[in-house]
Amino acid sequence: MGMTWKRHGAHIYGSRRWKGVRVQVLRRDGWRCVSCGSAGQLEVDHVKPIRDGGAPFDMSNLQALCPSCHTRKTRLECGHPELSPARRAWRDLLKTAGKQGNTKCLIQ
């Protein structure tokens, strides 16, 4: 049985207002992650989280992040440590293998 929880800002993310503000933020940030510069799949992040009193629709509290940078930021906000260099290397190896279409097990 999987765990389920309600996102703190669930009522915000489904609104028409959020969808409009989200596009404005992506345009402002040049459709790139403000942390690493990657273009591709992007998420709009609250600089100060809503759960900590951040303004949900204030453009100065929003930034475009790639999923990797967004996850890293959220992990740090929640008190998790940075990934160790060995763990980062393993993650990057798996990403590379996936991009090359190599979905077979790396260890036989």
N, C-alpha and C. Protein backbone atom coordinates (compact mmCIF):
# COMPACT_ATOMS: atom_id res chain seq x y z
N MET A 1 0.85 -1.17 0.00
CA MET A 1 0.00 0.00 0.00
C MET A 1 0.90 1.24 0.00
N GLY A 2 0.68 2.13 -0.96
CA GLY A 2 1.51 3.32 -1.07
C GLY A 2 1.07 4.42 -0.12
N MET A 3 2.01 5.27 0.18
CA MET A 3 1.70 6.42 1.04
C MET A 3 1.12 7.54 0.19
N THR A 4 0.15 8.23 0.72
CA THR A 4 -0.38 9.40 0.04
C THR A 4 -0.41 10.55 1.02
N TRP A 5 -0.24 11.74 0.51
CA TRP A 5 -0.32 12.93 1.34
C TRP A 5 -0.79 14.07 0.47
N LYS A 6 -1.35 15.06 1.07
CA LYS A 6 -1.82 16.22 0.35
C LYS A 6 -0.72 17.27 0.34
N ARG A 7 -0.38 17.74 -0.85
CA ARG A 7 0.62 18.80 -0.97
C ARG A 7 0.12 20.03 -0.26
N HIS A 8 1.03 20.73 0.36
CA HIS A 8 0.66 21.92 1.13
C HIS A 8 -0.06 22.96 0.26
N GLY A 9 0.36 23.11 -0.99
CA GLY A 9 -0.24 24.11 -1.87
C GLY A 9 -1.14 23.51 -2.94
N ALA A 10 -1.72 22.33 -2.68
CA ALA A 10 -2.51 21.63 -3.69
C ALA A 10 -3.61 22.52 -4.28
N HIS A 11 -4.22 23.34 -3.45
CA HIS A 11 -5.30 24.21 -3.93
C HIS A 11 -4.77 25.30 -4.87
N ILE A 12 -3.49 25.57 -4.80
CA ILE A 12 -2.89 26.62 -5.64
C ILE A 12 -2.53 26.06 -7.01
N TYR A 13 -1.89 24.89 -7.05
CA TYR A 13 -1.32 24.37 -8.28
C TYR A 13 -2.35 24.00 -9.34
N GLY A 14 -3.59 23.79 -8.96
CA GLY A 14 -4.61 23.47 -9.95
C GLY A 14 -5.38 24.69 -10.44
N SER A 15 -5.05 25.86 -9.92
CA SER A 15 -5.83 27.06 -10.25
C SER A 15 -5.40 27.66 -11.59
N ARG A 16 -6.31 28.39 -12.21
CA ARG A 16 -6.01 29.08 -13.46
C ARG A 16 -4.95 30.16 -13.22
N ARG A 17 -5.03 30.79 -12.07
CA ARG A 17 -4.06 31.84 -11.74
C ARG A 17 -2.65 31.27 -11.71
N TRP A 18 -2.47 30.09 -11.08
CA TRP A 18 -1.14 29.47 -11.00
C TRP A 18 -0.61 29.17 -12.40
N LYS A 19 -1.46 28.64 -13.25
CA LYS A 19 -1.01 28.28 -14.60
C LYS A 19 -0.50 29.52 -15.35
N GLY A 20 -1.18 30.65 -15.18
CA GLY A 20 -0.73 31.89 -15.81
C GLY A 20 0.57 32.41 -15.22
N VAL A 21 0.66 32.43 -13.91
CA VAL A 21 1.88 32.91 -13.24
C VAL A 21 3.06 32.00 -13.57
N ARG A 22 2.81 30.71 -13.64
CA ARG A 22 3.86 29.74 -13.96
C ARG A 22 4.49 30.06 -15.31
N VAL A 23 3.67 30.31 -16.31
CA VAL A 23 4.18 30.63 -17.65
C VAL A 23 4.96 31.94 -17.61
N GLN A 24 4.49 32.92 -16.86
CA GLN A 24 5.20 34.20 -16.74
C GLN A 24 6.59 34.00 -16.13
N VAL A 25 6.68 33.14 -15.13
CA VAL A 25 7.98 32.88 -14.48
C VAL A 25 8.92 32.19 -15.46
N LEU A 26 8.42 31.20 -16.19
CA LEU A 26 9.26 30.49 -17.16
C LEU A 26 9.76 31.44 -18.24
N ARG A 27 8.90 32.33 -18.71
CA ARG A 27 9.32 33.33 -19.70
C ARG A 27 10.38 34.26 -19.11
N ARG A 28 10.12 34.76 -17.91
CA ARG A 28 11.06 35.68 -17.26
C ARG A 28 12.44 35.04 -17.12
N ASP A 29 12.47 33.74 -16.76
CA ASP A 29 13.74 33.05 -16.53
C ASP A 29 14.32 32.46 -17.82
N GLY A 30 13.75 32.83 -18.95
CA GLY A 30 14.31 32.41 -20.24
C GLY A 30 14.16 30.93 -20.53
N TRP A 31 13.17 30.30 -19.93
CA TRP A 31 12.92 28.87 -20.13
C TRP A 31 14.15 28.03 -19.79
N ARG A 32 14.87 28.46 -18.76
CA ARG A 32 16.07 27.75 -18.29
C ARG A 32 16.06 27.68 -16.77
N CYS A 33 16.71 26.65 -16.24
CA CYS A 33 16.88 26.50 -14.80
C CYS A 33 17.78 27.64 -14.32
N VAL A 34 17.33 28.37 -13.31
CA VAL A 34 18.13 29.49 -12.81
C VAL A 34 19.36 29.00 -12.03
N SER A 35 19.39 27.73 -11.67
CA SER A 35 20.51 27.19 -10.91
C SER A 35 21.61 26.64 -11.82
N CYS A 36 21.23 25.78 -12.77
CA CYS A 36 22.25 25.13 -13.60
C CYS A 36 22.19 25.53 -15.07
N GLY A 37 21.14 26.23 -15.47
CA GLY A 37 21.03 26.70 -16.85
C GLY A 37 20.44 25.73 -17.84
N SER A 38 20.06 24.55 -17.40
CA SER A 38 19.53 23.57 -18.34
C SER A 38 18.16 24.00 -18.87
N ALA A 39 17.92 23.60 -20.10
CA ALA A 39 16.61 23.85 -20.71
C ALA A 39 15.98 22.47 -20.93
N GLY A 40 14.74 22.39 -20.84
CA GLY A 40 14.06 21.11 -20.96
C GLY A 40 12.91 21.11 -20.00
N GLN A 41 12.71 20.02 -19.33
CA GLN A 41 11.62 19.97 -18.36
C GLN A 41 11.95 20.92 -17.21
N LEU A 42 11.04 21.83 -16.93
CA LEU A 42 11.26 22.80 -15.86
C LEU A 42 10.07 22.81 -14.90
N GLU A 43 10.37 23.14 -13.67
CA GLU A 43 9.35 23.27 -12.63
C GLU A 43 9.47 24.67 -12.05
N VAL A 44 8.36 25.21 -11.58
CA VAL A 44 8.40 26.52 -10.94
C VAL A 44 8.40 26.30 -9.44
N ASP A 45 9.43 26.82 -8.79
CA ASP A 45 9.68 26.61 -7.37
C ASP A 45 9.41 27.88 -6.59
N HIS A 46 8.91 27.71 -5.39
CA HIS A 46 8.77 28.84 -4.46
C HIS A 46 10.09 28.99 -3.71
N VAL A 47 10.74 30.14 -3.85
CA VAL A 47 12.01 30.40 -3.17
C VAL A 47 11.80 30.22 -1.66
N LYS A 48 10.78 30.86 -1.12
CA LYS A 48 10.38 30.62 0.27
C LYS A 48 9.12 29.75 0.18
N PRO A 49 9.21 28.50 0.65
CA PRO A 49 8.09 27.58 0.49
C PRO A 49 6.78 28.10 1.07
N ILE A 50 5.69 27.72 0.46
CA ILE A 50 4.36 28.10 0.93
C ILE A 50 4.18 27.64 2.38
N ARG A 51 4.68 26.45 2.69
CA ARG A 51 4.51 25.92 4.05
C ARG A 51 5.21 26.77 5.10
N ASP A 52 6.18 27.59 4.64
CA ASP A 52 6.90 28.48 5.55
C ASP A 52 6.43 29.93 5.42
N GLY A 53 5.29 30.12 4.78
CA GLY A 53 4.73 31.46 4.66
C GLY A 53 5.07 32.20 3.39
N GLY A 54 5.68 31.50 2.42
CA GLY A 54 6.01 32.14 1.15
C GLY A 54 4.77 32.51 0.37
N ALA A 55 4.84 33.63 -0.33
CA ALA A 55 3.71 34.10 -1.13
C ALA A 55 3.55 33.21 -2.36
N PRO A 56 2.39 32.59 -2.52
CA PRO A 56 2.22 31.61 -3.59
C PRO A 56 2.26 32.17 -5.01
N PHE A 57 1.83 33.42 -5.22
CA PHE A 57 1.75 33.97 -6.57
C PHE A 57 2.69 35.14 -6.81
N ASP A 58 3.54 35.46 -5.85
CA ASP A 58 4.47 36.59 -5.97
C ASP A 58 5.64 36.18 -6.86
N MET A 59 5.78 36.86 -7.99
CA MET A 59 6.83 36.50 -8.96
C MET A 59 8.23 36.58 -8.35
N SER A 60 8.43 37.44 -7.36
CA SER A 60 9.75 37.53 -6.74
C SER A 60 10.03 36.33 -5.83
N ASN A 61 9.01 35.54 -5.55
CA ASN A 61 9.17 34.34 -4.73
C ASN A 61 9.16 33.07 -5.60
N LEU A 62 9.24 33.23 -6.91
CA LEU A 62 9.17 32.08 -7.80
C LEU A 62 10.39 32.04 -8.70
N GLN A 63 10.83 30.81 -9.03
CA GLN A 63 11.97 30.63 -9.93
C GLN A 63 11.80 29.33 -10.70
N ALA A 64 12.37 29.31 -11.90
CA ALA A 64 12.35 28.10 -12.73
C ALA A 64 13.53 27.22 -12.34
N LEU A 65 13.25 25.95 -12.06
CA LEU A 65 14.31 24.98 -11.74
C LEU A 65 14.06 23.69 -12.52
N CYS A 66 15.15 23.02 -12.90
CA CYS A 66 15.02 21.69 -13.48
C CYS A 66 14.66 20.73 -12.34
N PRO A 67 14.13 19.56 -12.66
CA PRO A 67 13.75 18.62 -11.60
C PRO A 67 14.91 18.27 -10.65
N SER A 68 16.11 18.14 -11.17
CA SER A 68 17.26 17.78 -10.34
C SER A 68 17.58 18.89 -9.33
N CYS A 69 17.64 20.12 -9.80
CA CYS A 69 17.94 21.25 -8.89
C CYS A 69 16.79 21.45 -7.90
N HIS A 70 15.55 21.25 -8.36
CA HIS A 70 14.40 21.41 -7.48
C HIS A 70 14.42 20.36 -6.37
N THR A 71 14.74 19.13 -6.73
CA THR A 71 14.83 18.07 -5.73
C THR A 71 15.93 18.36 -4.71
N ARG A 72 17.09 18.80 -5.22
CA ARG A 72 18.21 19.11 -4.31
C ARG A 72 17.81 20.23 -3.34
N LYS A 73 17.19 21.28 -3.84
CA LYS A 73 16.77 22.40 -3.00
C LYS A 73 15.76 21.93 -1.94
N THR A 74 14.78 21.16 -2.37
CA THR A 74 13.75 20.68 -1.44
C THR A 74 14.35 19.76 -0.39
N ARG A 75 15.26 18.87 -0.78
CA ARG A 75 15.91 17.98 0.19
C ARG A 75 16.64 18.78 1.26
N LEU A 76 17.36 19.82 0.85
CA LEU A 76 18.08 20.64 1.81
C LEU A 76 17.13 21.39 2.73
N GLU A 77 16.02 21.90 2.17
CA GLU A 77 15.03 22.59 2.98
C GLU A 77 14.42 21.68 4.04
N CYS A 78 14.30 20.39 3.69
CA CYS A 78 13.70 19.43 4.62
C CYS A 78 14.72 18.83 5.58
N GLY A 79 15.98 19.26 5.49
CA GLY A 79 16.99 18.81 6.44
C GLY A 79 17.81 17.61 6.01
N HIS A 80 17.65 17.17 4.76
CA HIS A 80 18.46 16.05 4.27
C HIS A 80 19.83 16.58 3.83
N PRO A 81 20.87 15.80 4.02
CA PRO A 81 22.20 16.26 3.60
C PRO A 81 22.37 16.19 2.08
N GLU A 82 23.38 16.91 1.59
CA GLU A 82 23.76 16.81 0.18
C GLU A 82 24.14 15.36 -0.12
N LEU A 83 23.97 14.94 -1.37
CA LEU A 83 24.40 13.59 -1.76
C LEU A 83 25.92 13.51 -1.70
N SER A 84 26.43 12.37 -1.29
CA SER A 84 27.87 12.17 -1.25
C SER A 84 28.39 12.12 -2.69
N PRO A 85 29.69 12.38 -2.91
CA PRO A 85 30.24 12.31 -4.27
C PRO A 85 30.03 10.92 -4.90
N ALA A 86 30.15 9.87 -4.10
CA ALA A 86 29.95 8.52 -4.64
C ALA A 86 28.50 8.32 -5.09
N ARG A 87 27.55 8.83 -4.31
CA ARG A 87 26.14 8.70 -4.66
C ARG A 87 25.81 9.52 -5.90
N ARG A 88 26.40 10.72 -6.01
CA ARG A 88 26.20 11.55 -7.20
C ARG A 88 26.76 10.86 -8.44
N ALA A 89 27.94 10.25 -8.30
CA ALA A 89 28.56 9.55 -9.44
C ALA A 89 27.67 8.39 -9.90
N TRP A 90 27.10 7.65 -8.96
CA TRP A 90 26.22 6.53 -9.29
C TRP A 90 24.97 7.04 -9.99
N ARG A 91 24.37 8.12 -9.47
CA ARG A 91 23.19 8.70 -10.09
C ARG A 91 23.48 9.14 -11.52
N ASP A 92 24.64 9.79 -11.72
CA ASP A 92 25.00 10.27 -13.05
C ASP A 92 25.25 9.12 -14.01
N LEU A 93 25.84 8.03 -13.52
CA LEU A 93 26.06 6.85 -14.35
C LEU A 93 24.73 6.27 -14.82
N LEU A 94 23.78 6.18 -13.93
CA LEU A 94 22.46 5.66 -14.30
C LEU A 94 21.76 6.57 -15.30
N LYS A 95 21.89 7.88 -15.13
CA LYS A 95 21.29 8.83 -16.08
C LYS A 95 21.90 8.64 -17.46
N THR A 96 23.22 8.52 -17.52
CA THR A 96 23.92 8.35 -18.79
C THR A 96 23.49 7.06 -19.48
N ALA A 97 23.40 5.99 -18.71
CA ALA A 97 22.99 4.71 -19.28
C ALA A 97 21.56 4.80 -19.82
N GLY A 98 20.69 5.50 -19.12
CA GLY A 98 19.31 5.66 -19.56
C GLY A 98 19.21 6.49 -20.83
N LYS A 99 20.02 7.54 -20.95
CA LYS A 99 19.99 8.39 -22.14
C LYS A 99 20.50 7.66 -23.37
N GLN A 100 21.39 6.70 -23.16
CA GLN A 100 21.95 5.94 -24.28
C GLN A 100 21.04 4.77 -24.66
N GLY A 101 19.91 4.65 -23.97
CA GLY A 101 18.98 3.58 -24.29
C GLY A 101 19.37 2.25 -23.70
N ASN A 102 20.38 2.24 -22.84
CA ASN A 102 20.84 1.01 -22.23
C ASN A 102 20.03 0.76 -20.96
N THR A 103 18.97 -0.01 -21.11
CA THR A 103 18.11 -0.28 -19.95
C THR A 103 18.38 -1.64 -19.33
N LYS A 104 19.36 -2.36 -19.88
CA LYS A 104 19.71 -3.66 -19.28
C LYS A 104 20.46 -3.44 -17.99
N CYS A 105 20.41 -4.40 -17.14
CA CYS A 105 21.10 -4.34 -15.86
C CYS A 105 22.60 -4.14 -16.09
N LEU A 106 23.19 -3.22 -15.33
CA LEU A 106 24.61 -2.95 -15.46
C LEU A 106 25.47 -4.05 -14.89
N ILE A 107 24.93 -4.81 -13.94
CA ILE A 107 25.68 -5.90 -13.32
C ILE A 107 24.97 -7.22 -13.64
N GLN A 108 25.72 -8.17 -14.14
CA GLN A 108 25.09 -9.46 -14.48
C GLN A 108 25.56 -10.55 -13.57
